[in-house]
Amino acid sequence: MPKIIKKSNILNKKAFLIGYLAADGGKRSNCIGFTTASLILRKDIIILLNELNIDYRKEKWKSEKYKKEYYGIYFKRTYLSYIMQGCRSGQTGRILSSFLEKVGGQA
């Protein structure tokens, strides 16, 4: 995660999370989440979720095909409305709308 985001205010951190989910996130059962090959990125996202008081679950597994570990995080869809607070204008709003269409969520 870029240092500028780590040092930023809550609204910018929420906007980053929305953008990240829109680019790399998706449905995980009845939850929203993502998978990454980067343990460092997962740790940074966990710090961000903790700052936002978002309860999450994490997992890891090894791909037999690629012989590589992958790391996942997921949380309840109900947190989307909290994440969106203050982040509904301009490009962030369009990114969010696109993501909600992709996962079948509601604002």
Foldseek 3Di string as FASTA:
>chain_A
DDPCLVPDDLLSVLLVVLLCCLVAWEDDPQWIKGKDLDPVVVVVVVVSCVVLVFDKDKDKDADPVVRGIMIMIIGHLVCVVVSCVPQCDDPSVVSNVSSCVRHVHDD
